[in-house]
Amino acid sequence: MKNQVAQILTEALPYIKKYIGKIVVIKYGGNAMLSQELKESIVSDIVLLNMIGVKVVLVHGGGPDINTLLDKIGKKSTFIDGLRYTDDEDIEYIQMVLCGKTNKELVSLIGKAGASAVGLSGLDANITRATKMEKYGNVGDITNVDPTLINDLLDKHYIPVISSIASSKEGSLNVNADLFAAKLSIVLQADHFMLLTDVKGVMRDKADDTTLIKEIQVSRVPSLVQEGIISGGMIPKVDCCTLAVRNGVKQTTIQDGTTKHSILLELLSDEGSGTLFY
């Protein structure tokens, strides 16, 4: 057992050196938010990274919490092209959930685990500006990111926890959290953008976890889409990773946020986790 622990630490050392002082953007949401045990596991990974000197930015969605509230008030959720249609009433509830309940729960969990987090949204200090995508109601496409506040917090060893609401001339807009995180990682010049979801990554056979594709060069993405290997809801996620890599983010991964310690396995081990895009 002692030898096993020593081996793990020895394996992690070069990766710790690699990421000290570097920025890692993690997008967290969906089914990984449904379990308190999983939340605490993800938070413990983030806190450990912060303590060894990695600058972690956590971007979160909150679909389950939003659905719960809208169900309670009798509002039906409508999706177009995978994006939540957001009317004038919805945006008030979504902002309340994302900037309030979901955000502050994560900030509190990080505090309990021993690190200092600051809860933000794209509205704070005009971190993100967006234009309205009329087809989807009050949903935005990010046009500008100002990283000043985030960099200030990272330099002071805080963990920024950011909800995907952006400002616009029309008011607050709901932004797809995957795209929000990808564009933030580009402007922050992150070393790694990690997209946590509820599958292991891109698989040749979606029903067989053993067919996981561990690495994909972004130039291969169009052919994998044509072959049907990348399809459905995986396409926009892969598009976010491709966008990040093509704009200077060194590595991006799509990986299973419902697997304990997948963050540490990806960043601090030879094994890795999920599908790496480069």
C-alpha atoms as a PDB file:
ATOM      1  CA  MET A   1       0.000   0.000   0.000  1.00  0.00           C
ATOM      2  CA  LYS A   2       2.809   2.429   0.914  1.00  0.00           C
ATOM      3  CA  ASN A   3       4.587   1.624  -2.353  1.00  0.00           C
ATOM      4  CA  GLN A   4       1.363   2.284  -4.257  1.00  0.00           C
ATOM      5  CA  VAL A   5       0.935   5.690  -2.597  1.00  0.00           C
ATOM      6  CA  ALA A   6       4.566   6.570  -3.304  1.00  0.00           C
ATOM      7  CA  GLN A   7       4.128   5.556  -6.955  1.00  0.00           C
ATOM      8  CA  ILE A   8       1.039   7.776  -7.309  1.00  0.00           C
ATOM      9  CA  LEU A   9       2.854  10.774  -5.835  1.00  0.00           C
ATOM     10  CA  THR A  10       5.934  10.183  -7.991  1.00  0.00           C
ATOM     11  CA  GLU A  11       3.764   9.961 -11.115  1.00  0.00           C
ATOM     12  CA  ALA A  12       1.940  13.171 -10.194  1.00  0.00           C
ATOM     13  CA  LEU A  13       5.071  15.255  -9.522  1.00  0.00           C
ATOM     14  CA  PRO A  14       5.964  16.225 -13.133  1.00  0.00           C
ATOM     15  CA  TYR A  15       2.334  17.146 -13.811  1.00  0.00           C
ATOM     16  CA  ILE A  16       2.206  19.279 -10.654  1.00  0.00           C
ATOM     17  CA  LYS A  17       5.311  21.120 -11.882  1.00  0.00           C
ATOM     18  CA  LYS A  18       3.689  21.535 -15.311  1.00  0.00           C
ATOM     19  CA  TYR A  19       0.535  23.174 -14.003  1.00  0.00           C
ATOM     20  CA  ILE A  20       1.821  25.312 -11.113  1.00  0.00           C
ATOM     21  CA  GLY A  21       0.917  28.927 -11.890  1.00  0.00           C
ATOM     22  CA  LYS A  22      -1.034  27.905 -15.011  1.00  0.00           C
ATOM     23  CA  ILE A  23      -4.748  28.511 -15.652  1.00  0.00           C
ATOM     24  CA  VAL A  24      -7.198  25.620 -15.921  1.00  0.00           C
ATOM     25  CA  VAL A  25     -10.820  26.379 -16.846  1.00  0.00           C
ATOM     26  CA  ILE A  26     -13.325  23.723 -15.749  1.00  0.00           C
ATOM     27  CA  LYS A  27     -16.921  23.693 -16.979  1.00  0.00           C
ATOM     28  CA  TYR A  28     -19.206  21.848 -14.565  1.00  0.00           C
ATOM     29  CA  GLY A  29     -22.917  21.120 -14.826  1.00  0.00           C
ATOM     30  CA  GLY A  30     -25.615  18.667 -15.791  1.00  0.00           C
ATOM     31  CA  ASN A  31     -25.962  15.247 -14.183  1.00  0.00           C
ATOM     32  CA  ALA A  32     -22.755  15.649 -12.168  1.00  0.00           C
ATOM     33  CA  MET A  33     -24.666  18.262 -10.167  1.00  0.00           C
ATOM     34  CA  LEU A  34     -27.428  15.872  -9.109  1.00  0.00           C
ATOM     35  CA  SER A  35     -25.403  14.021  -6.451  1.00  0.00           C
ATOM     36  CA  GLN A  36     -24.076  15.754  -3.339  1.00  0.00           C
ATOM     37  CA  GLU A  37     -21.323  13.144  -3.099  1.00  0.00           C
ATOM     38  CA  LEU A  38     -20.169  13.945  -6.655  1.00  0.00           C
ATOM     39  CA  LYS A  39     -20.280  17.684  -5.984  1.00  0.00           C
ATOM     40  CA  GLU A  40     -18.023  17.230  -2.976  1.00  0.00           C
ATOM     41  CA  SER A  41     -15.637  15.009  -4.969  1.00  0.00           C
ATOM     42  CA  ILE A  42     -15.329  17.591  -7.769  1.00  0.00           C
ATOM     43  CA  VAL A  43     -14.852  20.390  -5.271  1.00  0.00           C
ATOM     44  CA  SER A  44     -12.143  18.443  -3.413  1.00  0.00           C
ATOM     45  CA  ASP A  45     -10.226  18.019  -6.691  1.00  0.00           C
ATOM     46  CA  ILE A  46     -10.510  21.752  -7.426  1.00  0.00           C
ATOM     47  CA  VAL A  47      -9.373  22.696  -3.921  1.00  0.00           C
ATOM     48  CA  LEU A  48      -6.370  20.347  -4.140  1.00  0.00           C
ATOM     49  CA  LEU A  49      -5.332  21.950  -7.447  1.00  0.00           C
ATOM     50  CA  ASN A  50      -5.679  25.406  -5.900  1.00  0.00           C
ATOM     51  CA  MET A  51      -3.525  24.394  -2.927  1.00  0.00           C
ATOM     52  CA  ILE A  52      -0.660  23.171  -5.134  1.00  0.00           C
ATOM     53  CA  GLY A  53      -0.670  26.448  -7.058  1.00  0.00           C
ATOM     54  CA  VAL A  54      -2.881  25.766 -10.078  1.00  0.00           C
ATOM     55  CA  LYS A  55      -5.114  28.720 -11.040  1.00  0.00           C
ATOM     56  CA  VAL A  56      -8.557  27.138 -11.388  1.00  0.00           C
ATOM     57  CA  VAL A  57     -11.574  28.930 -12.882  1.00  0.00           C
ATOM     58  CA  LEU A  58     -14.875  27.075 -12.407  1.00  0.00           C
ATOM     59  CA  VAL A  59     -17.684  27.863 -14.863  1.00  0.00           C
ATOM     60  CA  HIS A  60     -21.012  26.228 -14.086  1.00  0.00           C
ATOM     61  CA  GLY A  61     -24.396  25.648 -15.606  1.00  0.00           C
ATOM     62  CA  GLY A  62     -27.389  24.615 -13.579  1.00  0.00           C
ATOM     63  CA  GLY A  63     -29.905  22.836 -15.769  1.00  0.00           C
ATOM     64  CA  PRO A  64     -31.254  20.527 -13.024  1.00  0.00           C
ATOM     65  CA  ASP A  65     -31.793  23.439 -10.587  1.00  0.00           C
ATOM     66  CA  ILE A  66     -33.444  25.533 -13.320  1.00  0.00           C
ATOM     67  CA  ASN A  67     -35.737  22.657 -14.291  1.00  0.00           C
ATOM     68  CA  THR A  68     -36.727  22.106 -10.655  1.00  0.00           C
ATOM     69  CA  LEU A  69     -37.728  25.752 -10.177  1.00  0.00           C
ATOM     70  CA  LEU A  70     -39.586  26.050 -13.493  1.00  0.00           C
ATOM     71  CA  ASP A  71     -41.457  22.816 -12.723  1.00  0.00           C
ATOM     72  CA  LYS A  72     -42.470  24.195  -9.319  1.00  0.00           C
ATOM     73  CA  ILE A  73     -43.999  27.317 -10.852  1.00  0.00           C
ATOM     74  CA  GLY A  74     -45.645  25.332 -13.652  1.00  0.00           C
ATOM     75  CA  LYS A  75     -43.482  26.514 -16.551  1.00  0.00           C
ATOM     76  CA  LYS A  76     -42.510  24.049 -19.247  1.00  0.00           C
ATOM     77  CA  SER A  77     -38.921  24.096 -20.523  1.00  0.00           C
ATOM     78  CA  THR A  78     -38.581  24.379 -24.304  1.00  0.00           C
ATOM     79  CA  PHE A  79     -35.389  23.573 -26.210  1.00  0.00           C
ATOM     80  CA  ILE A  80     -34.455  24.615 -29.743  1.00  0.00           C
ATOM     81  CA  ASP A  81     -31.291  23.127 -31.292  1.00  0.00           C
ATOM     82  CA  GLY A  82     -30.314  21.978 -27.805  1.00  0.00           C
ATOM     83  CA  LEU A  83     -30.540  25.506 -26.324  1.00  0.00           C
ATOM     84  CA  ARG A  84     -33.115  26.430 -23.694  1.00  0.00           C
ATOM     85  CA  TYR A  85     -35.645  28.931 -25.093  1.00  0.00           C
ATOM     86  CA  THR A  86     -35.622  31.767 -22.576  1.00  0.00           C
ATOM     87  CA  ASP A  87     -38.549  34.201 -22.491  1.00  0.00           C
ATOM     88  CA  ASP A  88     -38.683  37.438 -20.454  1.00  0.00           C
ATOM     89  CA  GLU A  89     -40.011  35.627 -17.375  1.00  0.00           C
ATOM     90  CA  ASP A  90     -37.583  32.717 -17.704  1.00  0.00           C
ATOM     91  CA  ILE A  91     -34.474  34.910 -17.686  1.00  0.00           C
ATOM     92  CA  GLU A  92     -35.426  36.290 -14.270  1.00  0.00           C
ATOM     93  CA  TYR A  93     -35.756  32.789 -12.820  1.00  0.00           C
ATOM     94  CA  ILE A  94     -32.634  31.482 -14.572  1.00  0.00           C
ATOM     95  CA  GLN A  95     -30.545  34.407 -13.329  1.00  0.00           C
ATOM     96  CA  MET A  96     -31.911  33.880  -9.819  1.00  0.00           C
ATOM     97  CA  VAL A  97     -30.970  30.183  -9.867  1.00  0.00           C
ATOM     98  CA  LEU A  98     -27.564  30.422 -11.576  1.00  0.00           C
ATOM     99  CA  CYS A  99     -26.264  33.571  -9.857  1.00  0.00           C
ATOM    100  CA  GLY A 100     -27.897  32.687  -6.556  1.00  0.00           C
ATOM    101  CA  LYS A 101     -28.628  29.130  -5.472  1.00  0.00           C
ATOM    102  CA  THR A 102     -26.274  27.134  -7.713  1.00  0.00           C
ATOM    103  CA  ASN A 103     -23.375  29.579  -7.580  1.00  0.00           C
ATOM    104  CA  LYS A 104     -23.428  30.104  -3.829  1.00  0.00           C
ATOM    105  CA  GLU A 105     -23.747  26.388  -3.080  1.00  0.00           C
ATOM    106  CA  LEU A 106     -20.505  25.774  -4.985  1.00  0.00           C
ATOM    107  CA  VAL A 107     -18.774  28.720  -3.290  1.00  0.00           C
ATOM    108  CA  SER A 108     -19.860  27.369   0.096  1.00  0.00           C
ATOM    109  CA  LEU A 109     -18.651  23.830  -0.692  1.00  0.00           C
ATOM    110  CA  ILE A 110     -15.233  25.140  -1.764  1.00  0.00           C
ATOM    111  CA  GLY A 111     -15.008  27.133   1.471  1.00  0.00           C
ATOM    112  CA  LYS A 112     -15.871  24.074   3.554  1.00  0.00           C
ATOM    113  CA  ALA A 113     -13.176  22.103   1.706  1.00  0.00           C
ATOM    114  CA  GLY A 114     -10.526  24.615   2.733  1.00  0.00           C
ATOM    115  CA  ALA A 115     -10.096  27.121  -0.125  1.00  0.00           C
ATOM    116  CA  SER A 116     -11.458  30.606  -0.842  1.00  0.00           C
ATOM    117  CA  ALA A 117     -13.885  31.072  -3.714  1.00  0.00           C
ATOM    118  CA  VAL A 118     -15.639  34.139  -5.101  1.00  0.00           C
ATOM    119  CA  GLY A 119     -19.014  33.741  -6.804  1.00  0.00           C
ATOM    120  CA  LEU A 120     -19.482  35.755  -9.990  1.00  0.00           C
ATOM    121  CA  SER A 121     -21.505  35.892 -13.167  1.00  0.00           C
ATOM    122  CA  GLY A 122     -20.647  37.333 -16.542  1.00  0.00           C
ATOM    123  CA  LEU A 123     -22.500  40.459 -15.396  1.00  0.00           C
ATOM    124  CA  ASP A 124     -19.907  41.357 -12.755  1.00  0.00           C
ATOM    125  CA  ALA A 125     -17.436  44.009 -13.933  1.00  0.00           C
ATOM    126  CA  ASN A 126     -18.756  43.347 -17.464  1.00  0.00           C
ATOM    127  CA  ILE A 127     -16.757  40.109 -17.624  1.00  0.00           C
ATOM    128  CA  THR A 128     -18.817  39.035 -20.638  1.00  0.00           C
ATOM    129  CA  ARG A 129     -20.853  41.013 -23.169  1.00  0.00           C
ATOM    130  CA  ALA A 130     -23.209  39.277 -25.569  1.00  0.00           C
ATOM    131  CA  THR A 131     -25.606  39.871 -28.418  1.00  0.00           C
ATOM    132  CA  LYS A 132     -29.106  38.469 -28.352  1.00  0.00           C
ATOM    133  CA  MET A 133     -29.889  35.392 -30.450  1.00  0.00           C
ATOM    134  CA  GLU A 134     -33.531  36.239 -31.219  1.00  0.00           C
ATOM    135  CA  LYS A 135     -34.465  32.701 -32.246  1.00  0.00           C
ATOM    136  CA  TYR A 136     -33.868  31.512 -28.676  1.00  0.00           C
ATOM    137  CA  GLY A 137     -35.352  34.458 -26.762  1.00  0.00           C
ATOM    138  CA  ASN A 138     -33.081  35.937 -24.102  1.00  0.00           C
ATOM    139  CA  VAL A 139     -30.109  33.775 -25.056  1.00  0.00           C
ATOM    140  CA  GLY A 140     -26.779  35.371 -25.897  1.00  0.00           C
ATOM    141  CA  ASP A 141     -23.733  34.815 -28.054  1.00  0.00           C
ATOM    142  CA  ILE A 142     -20.622  36.201 -26.348  1.00  0.00           C
ATOM    143  CA  THR A 143     -18.947  39.043 -28.232  1.00  0.00           C
ATOM    144  CA  ASN A 144     -16.451  40.296 -25.641  1.00  0.00           C
ATOM    145  CA  VAL A 145     -14.676  38.964 -22.554  1.00  0.00           C
ATOM    146  CA  ASP A 146     -12.838  41.169 -20.051  1.00  0.00           C
ATOM    147  CA  PRO A 147     -10.646  38.927 -17.861  1.00  0.00           C
ATOM    148  CA  THR A 148      -9.322  41.699 -15.571  1.00  0.00           C
ATOM    149  CA  LEU A 149     -11.342  40.797 -12.467  1.00  0.00           C
ATOM    150  CA  ILE A 150     -10.768  37.067 -12.925  1.00  0.00           C
ATOM    151  CA  ASN A 151      -7.000  37.527 -13.270  1.00  0.00           C
ATOM    152  CA  ASP A 152      -6.953  39.739 -10.175  1.00  0.00           C
ATOM    153  CA  LEU A 153      -8.722  37.044  -8.159  1.00  0.00           C
ATOM    154  CA  LEU A 154      -6.453  34.280  -9.479  1.00  0.00           C
ATOM    155  CA  ASP A 155      -3.355  36.292  -8.565  1.00  0.00           C
ATOM    156  CA  LYS A 156      -4.699  36.486  -4.990  1.00  0.00           C
ATOM    157  CA  HIS A 157      -5.268  32.671  -4.942  1.00  0.00           C
ATOM    158  CA  TYR A 158      -9.074  32.848  -5.020  1.00  0.00           C
ATOM    159  CA  ILE A 159     -11.111  30.396  -7.090  1.00  0.00           C
ATOM    160  CA  PRO A 160     -13.547  32.315  -9.333  1.00  0.00           C
ATOM    161  CA  VAL A 161     -16.874  30.463  -9.623  1.00  0.00           C
ATOM    162  CA  ILE A 162     -18.732  31.914 -12.599  1.00  0.00           C
ATOM    163  CA  SER A 163     -22.326  31.438 -13.787  1.00  0.00           C
ATOM    164  CA  SER A 164     -23.054  31.745 -17.493  1.00  0.00           C
ATOM    165  CA  ILE A 165     -25.150  34.928 -17.548  1.00  0.00           C
ATOM    166  CA  ALA A 166     -23.886  37.770 -19.760  1.00  0.00           C
ATOM    167  CA  SER A 167     -24.766  41.438 -20.087  1.00  0.00           C
ATOM    168  CA  SER A 168     -26.080  43.076 -23.258  1.00  0.00           C
ATOM    169  CA  LYS A 169     -27.807  46.269 -24.337  1.00  0.00           C
ATOM    170  CA  GLU A 170     -31.119  44.369 -23.978  1.00  0.00           C
ATOM    171  CA  GLY A 171     -30.320  43.252 -20.412  1.00  0.00           C
ATOM    172  CA  SER A 172     -29.189  39.932 -18.939  1.00  0.00           C
ATOM    173  CA  LEU A 173     -28.857  36.998 -21.329  1.00  0.00           C
ATOM    174  CA  ASN A 174     -28.609  33.267 -20.713  1.00  0.00           C
ATOM    175  CA  VAL A 175     -25.493  31.803 -22.388  1.00  0.00           C
ATOM    176  CA  ASN A 176     -24.716  28.156 -23.089  1.00  0.00           C
ATOM    177  CA  ALA A 177     -22.241  27.302 -20.310  1.00  0.00           C
ATOM    178  CA  ASP A 178     -19.994  25.159 -22.549  1.00  0.00           C
ATOM    179  CA  LEU A 179     -19.494  28.026 -24.998  1.00  0.00           C
ATOM    180  CA  PHE A 180     -19.160  30.548 -22.155  1.00  0.00           C
ATOM    181  CA  ALA A 181     -16.337  28.472 -20.632  1.00  0.00           C
ATOM    182  CA  ALA A 182     -14.620  27.900 -23.989  1.00  0.00           C
ATOM    183  CA  LYS A 183     -14.514  31.611 -24.837  1.00  0.00           C
ATOM    184  CA  LEU A 184     -13.332  32.448 -21.326  1.00  0.00           C
ATOM    185  CA  SER A 185     -10.512  29.896 -21.605  1.00  0.00           C
ATOM    186  CA  ILE A 186      -9.361  31.520 -24.860  1.00  0.00           C
ATOM    187  CA  VAL A 187      -9.167  35.034 -23.419  1.00  0.00           C
ATOM    188  CA  LEU A 188      -7.511  33.786 -20.215  1.00  0.00           C
ATOM    189  CA  GLN A 189      -4.959  31.878 -22.370  1.00  0.00           C
ATOM    190  CA  ALA A 190      -5.663  28.769 -20.330  1.00  0.00           C
ATOM    191  CA  ASP A 191      -3.335  25.789 -20.494  1.00  0.00           C
ATOM    192  CA  HIS A 192      -6.261  23.405 -20.191  1.00  0.00           C
ATOM    193  CA  PHE A 193     -10.024  23.671 -20.761  1.00  0.00           C
ATOM    194  CA  MET A 194     -11.941  20.783 -19.227  1.00  0.00           C
ATOM    195  CA  LEU A 195     -15.572  20.104 -20.094  1.00  0.00           C
ATOM    196  CA  LEU A 196     -17.245  17.787 -17.589  1.00  0.00           C
ATOM    197  CA  THR A 197     -20.255  15.865 -18.863  1.00  0.00           C
ATOM    198  CA  ASP A 198     -22.040  12.562 -18.121  1.00  0.00           C
ATOM    199  CA  VAL A 199     -20.197  10.329 -20.613  1.00  0.00           C
ATOM    200  CA  LYS A 200     -16.577   9.206 -20.688  1.00  0.00           C
ATOM    201  CA  GLY A 201     -15.811  11.260 -23.802  1.00  0.00           C
ATOM    202  CA  VAL A 202     -16.044  10.599 -27.536  1.00  0.00           C
ATOM    203  CA  MET A 203     -16.602   6.901 -28.190  1.00  0.00           C
ATOM    204  CA  ARG A 204     -16.657   4.985 -31.477  1.00  0.00           C
ATOM    205  CA  ASP A 205     -19.626   3.051 -30.088  1.00  0.00           C
ATOM    206  CA  LYS A 206     -21.723   5.111 -27.672  1.00  0.00           C
ATOM    207  CA  ALA A 207     -22.938   1.946 -25.947  1.00  0.00           C
ATOM    208  CA  ASP A 208     -19.421   0.646 -25.280  1.00  0.00           C
ATOM    209  CA  ASP A 209     -17.140   2.574 -22.897  1.00  0.00           C
ATOM    210  CA  THR A 210     -14.142   0.550 -24.059  1.00  0.00           C
ATOM    211  CA  THR A 211     -14.313   2.302 -27.462  1.00  0.00           C
ATOM    212  CA  LEU A 212     -13.319   5.664 -25.946  1.00  0.00           C
ATOM    213  CA  ILE A 213     -11.106   7.711 -28.277  1.00  0.00           C
ATOM    214  CA  LYS A 214      -8.405   9.064 -25.966  1.00  0.00           C
ATOM    215  CA  GLU A 215      -6.948  11.730 -28.287  1.00  0.00           C
ATOM    216  CA  ILE A 216      -8.318  13.636 -31.269  1.00  0.00           C
ATOM    217  CA  GLN A 217      -6.443  16.128 -33.407  1.00  0.00           C
ATOM    218  CA  VAL A 218      -8.959  18.911 -34.123  1.00  0.00           C
ATOM    219  CA  SER A 219      -8.325  18.620 -37.874  1.00  0.00           C
ATOM    220  CA  ARG A 220      -9.930  15.152 -37.668  1.00  0.00           C
ATOM    221  CA  VAL A 221     -13.203  16.407 -36.186  1.00  0.00           C
ATOM    222  CA  PRO A 222     -15.086  17.007 -39.478  1.00  0.00           C
ATOM    223  CA  SER A 223     -14.397  13.452 -40.698  1.00  0.00           C
ATOM    224  CA  LEU A 224     -15.526  11.992 -37.350  1.00  0.00           C
ATOM    225  CA  VAL A 225     -18.761  13.975 -37.649  1.00  0.00           C
ATOM    226  CA  GLN A 226     -19.258  12.667 -41.205  1.00  0.00           C
ATOM    227  CA  GLU A 227     -18.715   9.115 -39.976  1.00  0.00           C
ATOM    228  CA  GLY A 228     -21.366   9.655 -37.288  1.00  0.00           C
ATOM    229  CA  ILE A 229     -18.902   8.986 -34.453  1.00  0.00           C
ATOM    230  CA  ILE A 230     -19.390  12.548 -33.209  1.00  0.00           C
ATOM    231  CA  SER A 231     -23.137  13.187 -33.325  1.00  0.00           C
ATOM    232  CA  GLY A 232     -26.119  14.691 -31.525  1.00  0.00           C
ATOM    233  CA  GLY A 233     -25.384  16.596 -28.325  1.00  0.00           C
ATOM    234  CA  MET A 234     -21.692  15.747 -28.544  1.00  0.00           C
ATOM    235  CA  ILE A 235     -21.251  17.968 -31.637  1.00  0.00           C
ATOM    236  CA  PRO A 236     -21.607  21.346 -29.853  1.00  0.00           C
ATOM    237  CA  LYS A 237     -19.334  20.153 -27.034  1.00  0.00           C
ATOM    238  CA  VAL A 238     -16.644  19.093 -29.507  1.00  0.00           C
ATOM    239  CA  ASP A 239     -17.131  22.403 -31.348  1.00  0.00           C
ATOM    240  CA  CYS A 240     -16.345  24.260 -28.091  1.00  0.00           C
ATOM    241  CA  CYS A 241     -13.165  22.228 -27.602  1.00  0.00           C
ATOM    242  CA  THR A 242     -12.125  22.781 -31.218  1.00  0.00           C
ATOM    243  CA  LEU A 243     -12.766  26.529 -30.908  1.00  0.00           C
ATOM    244  CA  ALA A 244     -10.579  26.690 -27.802  1.00  0.00           C
ATOM    245  CA  VAL A 245      -7.683  24.727 -29.319  1.00  0.00           C
ATOM    246  CA  ARG A 246      -7.745  26.703 -32.574  1.00  0.00           C
ATOM    247  CA  ASN A 247      -7.557  29.919 -30.544  1.00  0.00           C
ATOM    248  CA  GLY A 248      -4.552  29.104 -28.384  1.00  0.00           C
ATOM    249  CA  VAL A 249      -5.739  26.854 -25.555  1.00  0.00           C
ATOM    250  CA  LYS A 250      -3.096  24.129 -25.411  1.00  0.00           C
ATOM    251  CA  GLN A 251      -5.352  21.207 -24.529  1.00  0.00           C
ATOM    252  CA  THR A 252      -9.031  20.566 -23.999  1.00  0.00           C
ATOM    253  CA  THR A 253     -10.838  17.499 -22.721  1.00  0.00           C
ATOM    254  CA  ILE A 254     -14.364  16.150 -22.654  1.00  0.00           C
ATOM    255  CA  GLN A 255     -14.638  13.786 -19.720  1.00  0.00           C
ATOM    256  CA  ASP A 256     -17.026  12.147 -17.289  1.00  0.00           C
ATOM    257  CA  GLY A 257     -17.856  14.434 -14.367  1.00  0.00           C
ATOM    258  CA  THR A 258     -19.801  11.603 -12.734  1.00  0.00           C
ATOM    259  CA  THR A 259     -16.574   9.600 -12.205  1.00  0.00           C
ATOM    260  CA  LYS A 260     -14.854  10.449  -8.929  1.00  0.00           C
ATOM    261  CA  HIS A 261     -11.576  12.358  -9.239  1.00  0.00           C
ATOM    262  CA  SER A 262     -11.644  12.467 -13.050  1.00  0.00           C
ATOM    263  CA  ILE A 263     -10.164  15.988 -12.821  1.00  0.00           C
ATOM    264  CA  LEU A 264      -7.076  14.764 -10.966  1.00  0.00           C
ATOM    265  CA  LEU A 265      -6.742  11.706 -13.210  1.00  0.00           C
ATOM    266  CA  GLU A 266      -6.685  13.954 -16.267  1.00  0.00           C
ATOM    267  CA  LEU A 267      -4.282  16.595 -14.995  1.00  0.00           C
ATOM    268  CA  LEU A 268      -1.976  14.711 -12.636  1.00  0.00           C
ATOM    269  CA  SER A 269      -1.609  11.167 -13.992  1.00  0.00           C
ATOM    270  CA  ASP A 270      -0.242   9.261 -16.980  1.00  0.00           C
ATOM    271  CA  GLU A 271      -3.640   7.592 -17.384  1.00  0.00           C
ATOM    272  CA  GLY A 272      -5.627  10.719 -18.208  1.00  0.00           C
ATOM    273  CA  SER A 273      -9.414  10.829 -18.383  1.00  0.00           C
ATOM    274  CA  GLY A 274     -11.816  11.280 -21.267  1.00  0.00           C
ATOM    275  CA  THR A 275     -11.013  12.521 -24.775  1.00  0.00           C
ATOM    276  CA  LEU A 276      -8.160  14.985 -25.256  1.00  0.00           C
ATOM    277  CA  PHE A 277      -8.292  17.486 -28.151  1.00  0.00           C
ATOM    278  CA  TYR A 278      -5.089  19.049 -29.398  1.00  0.00           C
END
